[in-house]
Amino acid sequence: MNISSIVVQTLPKYLDEVVQNLKDCEVCDYHMHDEKGRIIITIEGEAVSEELEKLRVIEDIPHVIAADMQMSYSEDELDAHMEVIANGDAVPKMLNDDSIPASAIRYNGDLKKKEDLTTFAKNFDKTER
């Protein structure tokens, strides 16, 4: 199951109409809006393709200027990452090896810059020395 939050933008003069259309369209859940025409909704889908179909429906509502995904949660993806973490060592083997001098240990960078955390986690203990 995927859940994504979307910010919908419209002109303030169309705000009430767009909010009502979003509430009536049955592809999203309305949460809130402000006087500037920003509307917060969420969509759910079994896969990203289903979420994208729903996003297209929202984009086609009259007077919607933009509808952009802001945050996304994928239960299956999270479960897969948690399994990798649970089955891996929390500390790389090299850090527990007293025969390796500290000066020989190389830092591999910030996790925020890693594109594929699953591959990173699987290869964590294979770091060059």
C-alpha atoms as a PDB file:
ATOM      1  CA  MET A   1       0.000   0.000   0.000  1.00  0.00           C
ATOM      2  CA  ASN A   2       1.295   3.451  -0.951  1.00  0.00           C
ATOM      3  CA  ILE A   3       0.115   6.701   0.603  1.00  0.00           C
ATOM      4  CA  SER A   4       1.161  10.091  -0.766  1.00  0.00           C
ATOM      5  CA  SER A   5       0.428  13.654   0.237  1.00  0.00           C
ATOM      6  CA  ILE A   6      -0.275  16.164  -2.495  1.00  0.00           C
ATOM      7  CA  VAL A   7      -0.356  19.940  -2.497  1.00  0.00           C
ATOM      8  CA  VAL A   8      -2.943  21.220  -4.972  1.00  0.00           C
ATOM      9  CA  GLN A   9      -2.697  24.845  -6.091  1.00  0.00           C
ATOM     10  CA  THR A  10      -5.572  26.946  -7.410  1.00  0.00           C
ATOM     11  CA  LEU A  11      -6.467  30.624  -7.536  1.00  0.00           C
ATOM     12  CA  PRO A  12      -8.215  31.872  -4.378  1.00  0.00           C
ATOM     13  CA  LYS A  13     -11.341  32.780  -6.376  1.00  0.00           C
ATOM     14  CA  TYR A  14     -11.758  29.087  -7.349  1.00  0.00           C
ATOM     15  CA  LEU A  15     -10.815  27.655  -3.955  1.00  0.00           C
ATOM     16  CA  ASP A  16     -14.286  26.611  -2.773  1.00  0.00           C
ATOM     17  CA  GLU A  17     -15.118  25.020  -6.133  1.00  0.00           C
ATOM     18  CA  VAL A  18     -11.841  23.063  -6.307  1.00  0.00           C
ATOM     19  CA  VAL A  19     -12.108  21.907  -2.676  1.00  0.00           C
ATOM     20  CA  GLN A  20     -15.642  20.641  -3.311  1.00  0.00           C
ATOM     21  CA  ASN A  21     -14.554  18.863  -6.518  1.00  0.00           C
ATOM     22  CA  LEU A  22     -11.710  17.188  -4.633  1.00  0.00           C
ATOM     23  CA  LYS A  23     -14.080  16.045  -1.891  1.00  0.00           C
ATOM     24  CA  ASP A  24     -16.488  14.672  -4.523  1.00  0.00           C
ATOM     25  CA  CYS A  25     -13.975  12.982  -6.848  1.00  0.00           C
ATOM     26  CA  GLU A  26     -13.457   9.811  -4.714  1.00  0.00           C
ATOM     27  CA  VAL A  27      -9.744   9.445  -5.580  1.00  0.00           C
ATOM     28  CA  CYS A  28      -8.371  11.421  -2.630  1.00  0.00           C
ATOM     29  CA  ASP A  29      -8.922  12.475   0.953  1.00  0.00           C
ATOM     30  CA  TYR A  30      -9.175  16.211   1.601  1.00  0.00           C
ATOM     31  CA  HIS A  31      -7.393  17.511   4.714  1.00  0.00           C
ATOM     32  CA  MET A  32      -7.061  21.294   4.699  1.00  0.00           C
ATOM     33  CA  HIS A  33      -6.505  24.452   2.664  1.00  0.00           C
ATOM     34  CA  ASP A  34      -5.426  28.054   3.121  1.00  0.00           C
ATOM     35  CA  GLU A  35      -6.701  31.354   1.751  1.00  0.00           C
ATOM     36  CA  LYS A  36      -3.886  31.463  -0.854  1.00  0.00           C
ATOM     37  CA  GLY A  37      -5.323  28.487  -2.757  1.00  0.00           C
ATOM     38  CA  ARG A  38      -3.104  25.707  -1.414  1.00  0.00           C
ATOM     39  CA  ILE A  39      -4.961  22.490  -0.648  1.00  0.00           C
ATOM     40  CA  ILE A  40      -3.564  19.417   1.127  1.00  0.00           C
ATOM     41  CA  ILE A  41      -4.892  15.987   0.125  1.00  0.00           C
ATOM     42  CA  THR A  42      -3.703  12.376   0.284  1.00  0.00           C
ATOM     43  CA  ILE A  43      -4.082   9.527  -2.156  1.00  0.00           C
ATOM     44  CA  GLU A  44      -3.649   5.781  -1.667  1.00  0.00           C
ATOM     45  CA  GLY A  45      -2.831   3.021  -4.101  1.00  0.00           C
ATOM     46  CA  GLU A  46      -1.567  -0.533  -4.291  1.00  0.00           C
ATOM     47  CA  ALA A  47       1.258   0.642  -6.566  1.00  0.00           C
ATOM     48  CA  VAL A  48       2.777   3.859  -7.850  1.00  0.00           C
ATOM     49  CA  SER A  49       0.911   3.402 -11.153  1.00  0.00           C
ATOM     50  CA  GLU A  50      -2.431   3.563  -9.300  1.00  0.00           C
ATOM     51  CA  GLU A  51      -1.338   6.705  -7.468  1.00  0.00           C
ATOM     52  CA  LEU A  52      -0.286   8.322 -10.756  1.00  0.00           C
ATOM     53  CA  GLU A  53      -3.699   7.559 -12.274  1.00  0.00           C
ATOM     54  CA  LYS A  54      -5.339   9.289  -9.310  1.00  0.00           C
ATOM     55  CA  LEU A  55      -2.956  12.223  -9.608  1.00  0.00           C
ATOM     56  CA  ARG A  56      -3.995  12.664 -13.257  1.00  0.00           C
ATOM     57  CA  VAL A  57      -7.662  12.771 -12.209  1.00  0.00           C
ATOM     58  CA  ILE A  58      -6.815  15.513  -9.709  1.00  0.00           C
ATOM     59  CA  GLU A  59      -4.799  17.463 -12.285  1.00  0.00           C
ATOM     60  CA  ASP A  60      -7.788  17.375 -14.648  1.00  0.00           C
ATOM     61  CA  ILE A  61     -10.148  19.049 -12.160  1.00  0.00           C
ATOM     62  CA  PRO A  62     -11.111  22.495 -13.493  1.00  0.00           C
ATOM     63  CA  HIS A  63      -9.029  25.386 -12.113  1.00  0.00           C
ATOM     64  CA  VAL A  64      -6.281  23.168 -10.666  1.00  0.00           C
ATOM     65  CA  ILE A  65      -3.032  24.934 -11.506  1.00  0.00           C
ATOM     66  CA  ALA A  66      -0.729  22.262 -10.067  1.00  0.00           C
ATOM     67  CA  ALA A  67      -0.912  19.051  -8.062  1.00  0.00           C
ATOM     68  CA  ASP A  68       2.461  17.936  -6.732  1.00  0.00           C
ATOM     69  CA  MET A  69       3.345  14.934  -4.580  1.00  0.00           C
ATOM     70  CA  GLN A  70       5.201  16.090  -1.503  1.00  0.00           C
ATOM     71  CA  MET A  71       5.645  12.971   0.625  1.00  0.00           C
ATOM     72  CA  SER A  72       5.162   9.321  -0.133  1.00  0.00           C
ATOM     73  CA  TYR A  73       5.036   6.233   2.066  1.00  0.00           C
ATOM     74  CA  SER A  74       5.321   2.718   0.707  1.00  0.00           C
ATOM     75  CA  GLU A  75       4.587  -0.044   3.191  1.00  0.00           C
ATOM     76  CA  ASP A  76       6.210  -2.735   1.019  1.00  0.00           C
ATOM     77  CA  GLU A  77       9.338  -0.649   0.436  1.00  0.00           C
ATOM     78  CA  LEU A  78       9.641   0.104   4.149  1.00  0.00           C
ATOM     79  CA  ASP A  79       9.231  -3.587   5.011  1.00  0.00           C
ATOM     80  CA  ALA A  80      11.982  -4.517   2.530  1.00  0.00           C
ATOM     81  CA  HIS A  81      14.374  -1.944   4.011  1.00  0.00           C
ATOM     82  CA  MET A  82      13.566  -3.041   7.558  1.00  0.00           C
ATOM     83  CA  GLU A  83      14.326  -6.655   6.617  1.00  0.00           C
ATOM     84  CA  VAL A  84      17.747  -5.676   5.236  1.00  0.00           C
ATOM     85  CA  ILE A  85      18.500  -3.681   8.376  1.00  0.00           C
ATOM     86  CA  ALA A  86      17.273  -6.447  10.699  1.00  0.00           C
ATOM     87  CA  ASN A  87      19.358  -9.090   8.920  1.00  0.00           C
ATOM     88  CA  GLY A  88      22.523  -6.994   8.684  1.00  0.00           C
ATOM     89  CA  ASP A  89      25.157  -6.180  11.249  1.00  0.00           C
ATOM     90  CA  ALA A  90      24.656  -2.837  12.920  1.00  0.00           C
ATOM     91  CA  VAL A  91      28.429  -2.375  13.079  1.00  0.00           C
ATOM     92  CA  PRO A  92      30.603  -3.181  10.058  1.00  0.00           C
ATOM     93  CA  LYS A  93      32.966  -6.098  10.629  1.00  0.00           C
ATOM     94  CA  MET A  94      36.018  -3.928   9.990  1.00  0.00           C
ATOM     95  CA  LEU A  95      35.193  -1.780  13.022  1.00  0.00           C
ATOM     96  CA  ASN A  96      35.333  -4.861  15.256  1.00  0.00           C
ATOM     97  CA  ASP A  97      38.600  -6.122  13.732  1.00  0.00           C
ATOM     98  CA  ASP A  98      41.485  -5.073  16.015  1.00  0.00           C
ATOM     99  CA  SER A  99      44.025  -5.982  13.326  1.00  0.00           C
ATOM    100  CA  ILE A 100      42.869  -3.082  11.116  1.00  0.00           C
ATOM    101  CA  PRO A 101      44.352   0.301  12.077  1.00  0.00           C
ATOM    102  CA  ALA A 102      41.842   3.148  12.360  1.00  0.00           C
ATOM    103  CA  SER A 103      43.723   5.074   9.655  1.00  0.00           C
ATOM    104  CA  ALA A 104      42.863   2.310   7.139  1.00  0.00           C
ATOM    105  CA  ILE A 105      39.104   2.721   7.579  1.00  0.00           C
ATOM    106  CA  ARG A 106      37.504   4.831   4.856  1.00  0.00           C
ATOM    107  CA  TYR A 107      34.316   6.854   5.366  1.00  0.00           C
ATOM    108  CA  ASN A 108      31.730   6.123   2.638  1.00  0.00           C
ATOM    109  CA  GLY A 109      29.692   9.296   2.864  1.00  0.00           C
ATOM    110  CA  ASP A 110      26.393  10.554   4.084  1.00  0.00           C
ATOM    111  CA  LEU A 111      23.431   8.144   3.866  1.00  0.00           C
ATOM    112  CA  LYS A 112      21.276  11.018   2.584  1.00  0.00           C
ATOM    113  CA  LYS A 113      23.370  10.982  -0.586  1.00  0.00           C
ATOM    114  CA  LYS A 114      22.933   7.245  -1.184  1.00  0.00           C
ATOM    115  CA  GLU A 115      20.445   6.527  -3.970  1.00  0.00           C
ATOM    116  CA  ASP A 116      19.930   2.843  -3.222  1.00  0.00           C
ATOM    117  CA  LEU A 117      19.959   2.156   0.517  1.00  0.00           C
ATOM    118  CA  THR A 118      19.234  -1.549   0.049  1.00  0.00           C
ATOM    119  CA  THR A 119      22.366  -2.098  -2.030  1.00  0.00           C
ATOM    120  CA  PHE A 120      24.330   0.158   0.320  1.00  0.00           C
ATOM    121  CA  ALA A 121      23.236  -1.882   3.353  1.00  0.00           C
ATOM    122  CA  LYS A 122      24.037  -5.213   1.657  1.00  0.00           C
ATOM    123  CA  ASN A 123      27.509  -4.024   0.650  1.00  0.00           C
ATOM    124  CA  PHE A 124      28.284  -2.202   3.870  1.00  0.00           C
ATOM    125  CA  ASP A 125      30.732  -4.849   5.102  1.00  0.00           C
ATOM    126  CA  LYS A 126      32.492  -5.015   1.725  1.00  0.00           C
ATOM    127  CA  THR A 127      33.982  -1.527   2.141  1.00  0.00           C
ATOM    128  CA  GLU A 128      37.509  -1.132   0.727  1.00  0.00           C
ATOM    129  CA  ARG A 129      40.264  -1.003   3.282  1.00  0.00           C
END
